[in-house]
Amino acid sequence: MRAEVLAAVGRVCASQHYILGQEVEAFERDLASFCGSGDAVGCSSGTDALWLALVATGVQPGDQVLTTPFSFFASASAIVRAGARPVFADIDPGTFNLDPNQLESFLRGGPRDKLRALLPVHLYGQCADMDSLQRLADEFHLSVVEDAAQAIGARWGTERSKARIAGSMGVSAAFSFYPTKNLSAYGDAGLVTTSNPEMAAHMRRLRNHGSPRRYVHEEIGWNCRLDAMQAAILSVKLKYVERWNEARRQRAAVYDRLFTATGLTSNGEPENSGPIQLPRTSPQAHHVFHQYVVRAYRREELREFLTARKIGTEVYYPIPLHLQPCFGYLGYREGDFPEAERAAKEVLALPMFPELTEEEQRRVVESIADFYC
């Protein structure tokens, strides 16, 4: 893509229009079409996208927003930034996403008069169970805001042709284009999709200091506009993202096959207690594998072993949100969300990118086998 990207950068430099403008508008239209939403609002990061989506949804100081305790910090910090209080329900141990059963228990457990919205996270590139979550949201009159930061192109539905795509299932959805994402900028960038014209207009004001026109400020907003340079680059790369996502799915299938052949794997069955548990994909999910994440016995020792062999790994995420020091005021304690806490101690992300070769994957798997043998 080098020539295409450099041409896009040159076009922006020649225009000398570096913030918002035609490049951003064109990318917003293309991304909205890609996601099957009515509109899209570009902004400066995925974190700002979450804040814009929540505020435009109507979240206000004193409200509560329910989300997962097992996600990147921004999923909860954006709620606080909107003036609301994050509340949590535990995750499904197989998919790592918000567990509808845990959510239902929470909702039926007592008065929730301050609960305004539900923020499911499509973690690692797999959509949360949006059918079950939406049913509960409808019953309890909650707005659903998707955290789709890791899930560009992911779908939910048993038939791919009829499946709904991440970014089209909630009242709004937040995306991140951080440089490691499946669709990545050359810096920070984000976007919110919505099919509500009023919400889109509100977010456009909010991202520009609450201003509908120059020097007129209808509310206190923020400076979180999208740079034209990032929009132009993202427009080039958007044409390739489905191809890249399919390559990631193929790489994940190769990992599954290689790990299964080693005899190290566990599928969560009591009689199969292998040291590696492979990721589980829901039958309704079209996973795009932003990360390929296993559960690993003696994870920290394994990481050190792989690092010595120059094999990169990462832990997403080592501390659940409810145990983060800055959220101590929420009153949660260790043991409140055992599945999220267990995942934080076991998850390990292995190398995953579209150009990954089977030879490289074989080296990863063989090295893990060497560690346990």
Protein backbone atom coordinates (compact mmCIF):
# COMPACT_ATOMS: atom_id res chain seq x y z
CA MET A 1 0.00 0.00 0.00
CA ARG A 2 3.03 2.27 0.18
CA ALA A 3 2.28 4.19 -3.02
CA GLU A 4 -1.42 4.58 -2.15
CA VAL A 5 -0.69 5.81 1.35
CA LEU A 6 1.98 8.27 0.25
CA ALA A 7 -0.34 9.63 -2.43
CA ALA A 8 -3.04 10.16 0.21
CA VAL A 9 -0.57 11.91 2.52
CA GLY A 10 0.62 14.09 -0.37
CA ARG A 11 -2.95 15.00 -1.21
CA VAL A 12 -3.57 16.22 2.34
CA CYS A 13 -0.32 18.17 2.43
CA ALA A 14 -1.18 19.85 -0.85
CA SER A 15 -4.61 20.82 0.44
CA GLN A 16 -3.19 22.22 3.72
CA HIS A 17 -6.49 21.21 5.33
CA TYR A 18 -5.29 19.08 8.24
CA ILE A 19 -8.24 18.82 10.65
CA LEU A 20 -11.71 17.55 9.66
CA GLY A 21 -12.68 18.61 6.13
CA GLN A 22 -13.31 16.56 2.99
CA GLU A 23 -10.96 13.69 3.83
CA VAL A 24 -12.70 13.10 7.15
CA GLU A 25 -16.16 13.40 5.60
CA ALA A 26 -15.26 10.87 2.90
CA PHE A 27 -13.90 8.40 5.45
CA GLU A 28 -16.97 8.82 7.64
CA ARG A 29 -19.24 7.99 4.68
CA ASP A 30 -17.16 4.95 3.70
CA LEU A 31 -16.97 3.60 7.24
CA ALA A 32 -20.70 4.09 7.85
CA SER A 33 -21.41 2.17 4.65
CA PHE A 34 -18.97 -0.57 5.64
CA CYS A 35 -20.70 -1.01 9.02
CA GLY A 36 -24.24 -0.68 7.71
CA SER A 37 -24.97 2.36 9.87
CA GLY A 38 -26.60 5.61 8.84
CA ASP A 39 -23.77 7.93 9.87
CA ALA A 40 -20.30 8.05 11.34
CA VAL A 41 -18.44 10.72 13.30
CA GLY A 42 -14.65 10.71 13.26
CA CYS A 43 -12.69 11.72 16.34
CA SER A 44 -9.19 11.66 17.76
CA SER A 45 -9.15 8.26 19.51
CA GLY A 46 -11.19 5.24 20.51
CA THR A 47 -11.36 6.63 24.03
CA ASP A 48 -12.93 9.85 22.79
CA ALA A 49 -15.27 7.77 20.61
CA LEU A 50 -16.61 6.02 23.72
CA TRP A 51 -17.13 9.33 25.50
CA LEU A 52 -18.90 10.87 22.51
CA ALA A 53 -21.16 7.83 22.13
CA LEU A 54 -22.13 7.77 25.80
CA VAL A 55 -22.85 11.48 26.11
CA ALA A 56 -24.82 11.59 22.86
CA THR A 57 -26.83 8.59 24.07
CA GLY A 58 -27.96 10.67 27.03
CA VAL A 59 -25.68 9.43 29.80
CA GLN A 60 -25.48 12.14 32.45
CA PRO A 61 -23.81 12.71 35.83
CA GLY A 62 -25.39 10.41 38.40
CA ASP A 63 -26.30 7.73 35.87
CA GLN A 64 -24.90 4.21 35.86
CA VAL A 65 -23.56 2.31 32.86
CA LEU A 66 -23.16 -1.45 32.97
CA THR A 67 -20.14 -3.01 31.28
CA THR A 68 -17.60 -5.80 31.57
CA PRO A 69 -14.78 -5.79 34.15
CA PHE A 70 -12.46 -7.45 31.62
CA SER A 71 -11.51 -4.89 28.99
CA PHE A 72 -9.13 -2.05 28.29
CA PHE A 73 -9.29 0.81 30.79
CA ALA A 74 -11.11 3.17 28.42
CA SER A 75 -14.28 1.07 28.53
CA ALA A 76 -14.79 2.20 32.12
CA SER A 77 -12.90 5.50 32.19
CA ALA A 78 -15.10 6.92 29.41
CA ILE A 79 -18.15 6.22 31.61
CA VAL A 80 -16.57 8.19 34.44
CA ARG A 81 -15.60 10.98 32.08
CA ALA A 82 -19.27 11.23 31.07
CA GLY A 83 -20.06 11.79 34.76
CA ALA A 84 -21.58 8.35 35.29
CA ARG A 85 -20.68 5.38 37.46
CA PRO A 86 -19.45 2.12 35.93
CA VAL A 87 -21.08 -1.05 37.23
CA PHE A 88 -20.00 -4.53 36.20
CA ALA A 89 -21.23 -8.04 35.47
CA ASP A 90 -18.92 -11.02 35.02
CA ILE A 91 -17.72 -12.51 31.73
CA ASP A 92 -18.35 -15.75 29.89
CA PRO A 93 -15.20 -17.86 30.52
CA GLY A 94 -15.17 -19.17 26.94
CA THR A 95 -15.50 -15.98 24.92
CA PHE A 96 -14.24 -13.48 27.56
CA ASN A 97 -17.23 -11.27 26.66
CA LEU A 98 -20.00 -10.04 28.95
CA ASP A 99 -22.06 -13.02 30.13
CA PRO A 100 -25.81 -12.48 29.50
CA ASN A 101 -26.68 -14.78 32.41
CA GLN A 102 -24.56 -12.74 34.82
CA LEU A 103 -26.05 -9.57 33.40
CA GLU A 104 -29.59 -10.87 33.89
CA SER A 105 -28.84 -11.84 37.49
CA PHE A 106 -27.55 -8.35 38.13
CA LEU A 107 -30.57 -6.67 36.53
CA ARG A 108 -33.07 -8.81 38.40
CA GLY A 109 -31.23 -8.50 41.68
CA GLY A 110 -32.64 -5.18 42.79
CA PRO A 111 -33.66 -1.64 41.82
CA ARG A 112 -31.64 -0.20 38.97
CA ASP A 113 -33.32 3.16 38.58
CA LYS A 114 -30.03 4.94 37.84
CA LEU A 115 -28.94 2.48 35.15
CA ARG A 116 -28.99 4.28 31.81
CA ALA A 117 -26.95 2.25 29.32
CA LEU A 118 -25.29 -1.07 28.56
CA LEU A 119 -21.76 -1.05 27.12
CA PRO A 120 -20.83 -4.50 25.78
CA VAL A 121 -17.26 -4.93 24.54
CA HIS A 122 -16.52 -7.05 21.47
CA LEU A 123 -13.28 -8.30 22.98
CA TYR A 124 -10.37 -9.58 20.87
CA GLY A 125 -12.48 -9.26 17.69
CA GLN A 126 -15.49 -11.40 18.65
CA CYS A 127 -18.92 -9.82 19.06
CA ALA A 128 -20.62 -10.18 22.41
CA ASP A 129 -23.93 -12.10 22.47
CA MET A 130 -25.90 -9.18 21.08
CA ASP A 131 -29.18 -11.08 20.76
CA SER A 132 -29.35 -11.88 24.47
CA LEU A 133 -27.92 -8.54 25.54
CA GLN A 134 -30.36 -6.58 23.41
CA ARG A 135 -33.33 -8.52 24.78
CA LEU A 136 -32.28 -7.63 28.32
CA ALA A 137 -31.59 -4.03 27.35
CA ASP A 138 -35.07 -3.74 25.84
CA GLU A 139 -36.69 -5.24 28.93
CA PHE A 140 -34.88 -2.91 31.30
CA HIS A 141 -35.02 0.15 28.99
CA LEU A 142 -31.28 0.50 28.50
CA SER A 143 -29.50 2.06 25.54
CA VAL A 144 -26.85 -0.23 24.03
CA VAL A 145 -23.53 1.37 23.09
CA GLU A 146 -21.10 -1.05 21.45
CA ASP A 147 -17.42 -0.91 22.34
CA ALA A 148 -16.23 -2.16 18.95
CA ALA A 149 -12.66 -0.86 19.32
CA GLN A 150 -11.20 -4.30 18.55
CA ALA A 151 -13.88 -5.57 16.19
CA ILE A 152 -13.93 -3.73 12.87
CA GLY A 153 -15.61 -6.11 10.41
CA ALA A 154 -16.79 -8.61 13.05
CA ARG A 155 -20.33 -9.94 12.64
CA TRP A 156 -23.03 -11.55 14.75
CA GLY A 157 -25.41 -14.11 13.22
CA THR A 158 -25.35 -17.75 12.13
CA GLU A 159 -25.63 -16.88 8.43
CA ARG A 160 -22.90 -14.50 7.32
CA SER A 161 -25.06 -12.94 4.61
CA LYS A 162 -27.70 -12.03 7.21
CA ALA A 163 -25.38 -11.34 10.10
CA ARG A 164 -25.24 -7.88 11.64
CA ILE A 165 -21.88 -6.17 11.60
CA ALA A 166 -20.20 -4.59 14.61
CA GLY A 167 -21.14 -0.94 14.66
CA SER A 168 -24.72 -1.45 13.51
CA MET A 169 -26.28 -3.23 16.50
CA GLY A 170 -26.45 -0.57 19.21
CA VAL A 171 -27.74 2.98 19.25
CA SER A 172 -24.10 3.85 18.64
CA ALA A 173 -20.71 2.13 18.52
CA ALA A 174 -17.17 3.27 19.22
CA PHE A 175 -14.17 2.26 17.12
CA SER A 176 -10.44 2.70 17.65
CA PHE A 177 -7.86 2.93 14.88
CA TYR A 178 -4.81 2.74 17.15
CA PRO A 179 -1.80 1.49 15.14
CA THR A 180 -2.15 -2.13 16.33
CA LYS A 181 -5.82 -2.49 15.33
CA ASN A 182 -7.09 -4.50 12.35
CA LEU A 183 -7.80 -1.17 10.65
CA SER A 184 -5.03 1.06 11.89
CA ALA A 185 -4.04 4.70 11.55
CA TYR A 186 -0.52 6.14 11.62
CA GLY A 187 -1.25 7.54 15.07
CA ASP A 188 -4.36 7.88 17.22
CA ALA A 189 -7.81 8.00 15.64
CA GLY A 190 -11.35 6.90 16.44
CA LEU A 191 -14.93 7.01 15.18
CA VAL A 192 -18.53 6.55 16.31
CA THR A 193 -21.24 5.00 14.15
CA THR A 194 -24.95 5.64 14.64
CA SER A 195 -28.15 5.62 12.61
CA ASN A 196 -29.64 8.44 14.67
CA PRO A 197 -29.14 11.79 12.84
CA GLU A 198 -29.67 13.83 16.02
CA MET A 199 -27.01 11.85 17.86
CA ALA A 200 -24.59 12.26 14.97
CA ALA A 201 -25.12 16.02 14.93
CA HIS A 202 -24.67 16.16 18.71
CA MET A 203 -21.38 14.26 18.51
CA ARG A 204 -20.11 16.58 15.80
CA ARG A 205 -20.73 19.50 18.15
CA LEU A 206 -19.20 17.72 21.12
CA ARG A 207 -15.96 16.86 19.28
CA ASN A 208 -15.51 20.55 18.43
CA HIS A 209 -15.88 22.23 21.81
CA GLY A 210 -19.67 21.96 21.71
CA SER A 211 -19.72 24.33 18.75
CA PRO A 212 -22.13 24.00 15.79
CA ARG A 213 -20.43 26.95 14.09
CA ARG A 214 -17.31 28.96 14.75
CA TYR A 215 -17.17 30.73 18.13
CA VAL A 216 -20.71 29.68 19.08
CA HIS A 217 -20.70 27.09 21.89
CA GLU A 218 -24.03 25.53 22.80
CA GLU A 219 -22.51 23.24 25.46
CA ILE A 220 -19.18 22.24 26.98
CA GLY A 221 -17.67 19.77 24.54
CA TRP A 222 -14.11 18.67 23.93
CA ASN A 223 -11.38 19.04 21.34
CA CYS A 224 -11.33 15.54 19.85
CA ARG A 225 -11.49 16.08 16.10
CA LEU A 226 -10.10 13.63 13.55
CA ASP A 227 -7.03 14.69 11.58
CA ALA A 228 -7.41 14.71 7.80
CA MET A 229 -4.11 12.85 7.44
CA GLN A 230 -5.34 9.91 9.50
CA ALA A 231 -8.67 9.88 7.66
CA ALA A 232 -6.93 9.77 4.28
CA ILE A 233 -4.69 6.90 5.37
CA LEU A 234 -7.62 5.00 6.86
CA SER A 235 -9.60 5.43 3.65
CA VAL A 236 -6.80 3.70 1.75
CA LYS A 237 -6.57 0.85 4.25
CA LEU A 238 -10.33 0.34 4.61
CA LYS A 239 -10.36 -1.28 1.16
CA TYR A 240 -8.12 -4.07 2.49
CA VAL A 241 -9.58 -4.70 5.93
CA GLU A 242 -11.89 -7.57 4.97
CA ARG A 243 -9.01 -9.35 3.25
CA TRP A 244 -6.84 -8.84 6.32
CA ASN A 245 -9.60 -10.06 8.62
CA GLU A 246 -10.01 -13.24 6.60
CA ALA A 247 -6.24 -13.79 6.76
CA ARG A 248 -6.42 -13.46 10.55
CA ARG A 249 -9.21 -16.04 10.66
CA GLN A 250 -7.05 -18.40 8.61
CA ARG A 251 -4.08 -17.84 10.91
CA ALA A 252 -6.30 -18.62 13.91
CA ALA A 253 -7.40 -21.89 12.29
CA VAL A 254 -3.75 -22.82 11.77
CA TYR A 255 -2.99 -22.15 15.44
CA ASP A 256 -5.97 -24.32 16.44
CA ARG A 257 -4.75 -27.17 14.25
CA LEU A 258 -1.13 -26.97 15.39
CA PHE A 259 -2.03 -26.77 19.07
CA THR A 260 -4.48 -29.66 18.82
CA ALA A 261 -1.77 -31.82 17.27
CA THR A 262 0.51 -31.24 20.27
CA GLY A 263 -1.95 -32.73 22.77
CA LEU A 264 -1.48 -29.67 25.00
CA THR A 265 -4.91 -28.21 24.54
CA SER A 266 -7.92 -28.11 26.82
CA ASN A 267 -11.41 -27.25 25.71
CA GLY A 268 -12.56 -26.63 29.25
CA GLU A 269 -13.65 -30.24 29.82
CA PRO A 270 -12.75 -31.74 33.22
CA GLU A 271 -11.22 -34.84 31.64
CA ASN A 272 -8.99 -32.71 29.42
CA SER A 273 -6.66 -30.73 31.64
CA GLY A 274 -4.05 -29.64 29.10
CA PRO A 275 -1.97 -26.55 29.95
CA ILE A 276 -3.27 -24.55 26.97
CA GLN A 277 -6.93 -23.71 26.48
CA LEU A 278 -7.77 -22.46 22.99
CA PRO A 279 -10.08 -19.51 22.37
CA ARG A 280 -13.73 -20.36 21.81
CA THR A 281 -15.76 -18.76 19.05
CA SER A 282 -19.54 -18.58 19.46
CA PRO A 283 -21.48 -20.28 16.63
CA GLN A 284 -23.13 -16.93 15.86
CA ALA A 285 -19.87 -14.99 15.76
CA HIS A 286 -17.76 -14.08 12.76
CA HIS A 287 -14.52 -13.51 14.69
CA VAL A 288 -11.88 -11.20 13.20
CA PHE A 289 -9.12 -12.13 15.68
CA HIS A 290 -7.70 -8.77 16.59
CA GLN A 291 -5.90 -10.99 19.08
CA TYR A 292 -5.44 -14.75 19.31
CA VAL A 293 -5.67 -15.34 23.05
CA VAL A 294 -5.17 -18.64 24.86
CA ARG A 295 -5.36 -19.51 28.53
CA ALA A 296 -1.99 -20.72 29.72
CA TYR A 297 -0.92 -22.65 32.81
CA ARG A 298 2.14 -20.98 34.47
CA ARG A 299 1.65 -18.04 32.16
CA GLU A 300 4.37 -15.75 33.45
CA GLU A 301 7.01 -18.48 33.26
CA LEU A 302 5.85 -19.31 29.74
CA ARG A 303 6.12 -15.66 28.72
CA GLU A 304 9.70 -15.47 29.97
CA PHE A 305 10.54 -18.67 28.09
CA LEU A 306 9.06 -17.33 24.84
CA THR A 307 10.73 -13.95 25.27
CA ALA A 308 14.09 -15.70 25.52
CA ARG A 309 13.30 -17.27 22.14
CA LYS A 310 12.40 -13.84 20.75
CA ILE A 311 8.70 -14.66 20.46
CA GLY A 312 6.50 -11.74 21.45
CA THR A 313 3.44 -12.18 23.66
CA GLU A 314 1.18 -9.82 25.58
CA VAL A 315 -1.38 -9.95 28.37
CA TYR A 316 -4.71 -8.28 27.66
CA TYR A 317 -5.46 -7.53 30.53
CA PRO A 318 -3.55 -8.30 33.74
CA ILE A 319 -5.80 -6.35 36.16
CA PRO A 320 -9.61 -6.42 35.87
CA LEU A 321 -11.24 -3.01 35.85
CA HIS A 322 -13.01 -3.47 39.17
CA LEU A 323 -9.61 -3.97 40.87
CA GLN A 324 -7.88 -0.95 39.31
CA PRO A 325 -6.69 1.38 42.09
CA CYS A 326 -8.48 4.43 40.66
CA PHE A 327 -11.82 2.59 40.85
CA GLY A 328 -11.48 1.75 44.53
CA TYR A 329 -14.31 4.17 45.29
CA LEU A 330 -16.74 1.85 43.47
CA GLY A 331 -16.48 -0.56 46.40
CA TYR A 332 -15.64 -3.77 44.53
CA ARG A 333 -13.37 -6.40 46.06
CA GLU A 334 -11.34 -9.35 44.85
CA GLY A 335 -13.68 -12.27 44.32
CA ASP A 336 -16.61 -10.17 43.09
CA PHE A 337 -16.09 -11.25 39.46
CA PRO A 338 -14.22 -14.57 39.59
CA GLU A 339 -14.23 -15.29 35.84
CA ALA A 340 -12.74 -11.93 34.97
CA GLU A 341 -10.15 -12.36 37.71
CA ARG A 342 -9.26 -15.87 36.54
CA ALA A 343 -8.94 -14.68 32.94
CA ALA A 344 -6.60 -11.88 34.01
CA LYS A 345 -4.27 -14.49 35.52
CA GLU A 346 -4.35 -16.88 32.55
CA VAL A 347 -4.80 -15.08 29.21
CA LEU A 348 -1.89 -14.83 26.80
CA ALA A 349 -2.00 -13.20 23.36
CA LEU A 350 0.20 -14.88 20.77
CA PRO A 351 1.58 -13.31 17.57
CA MET A 352 -1.31 -12.50 15.22
CA PHE A 353 -1.23 -10.46 12.04
CA PRO A 354 -2.33 -11.13 8.44
CA GLU A 355 1.19 -11.75 7.09
CA LEU A 356 2.06 -14.32 9.77
CA THR A 357 3.41 -17.47 8.11
CA GLU A 358 2.66 -21.05 9.07
CA GLU A 359 6.38 -21.57 9.65
CA GLU A 360 6.36 -18.75 12.21
CA GLN A 361 3.24 -20.15 13.85
CA ARG A 362 4.79 -23.61 13.99
CA ARG A 363 7.79 -22.09 15.78
CA VAL A 364 5.47 -20.47 18.34
CA VAL A 365 3.56 -23.68 19.01
CA GLU A 366 6.66 -25.88 19.12
CA SER A 367 8.29 -23.49 21.58
CA ILE A 368 5.23 -23.65 23.85
CA ALA A 369 5.33 -27.45 23.60
CA ASP A 370 9.03 -27.38 24.54
CA PHE A 371 8.20 -25.33 27.64
CA TYR A 372 5.58 -27.77 28.93
CA CYS A 373 7.52 -30.88 27.98
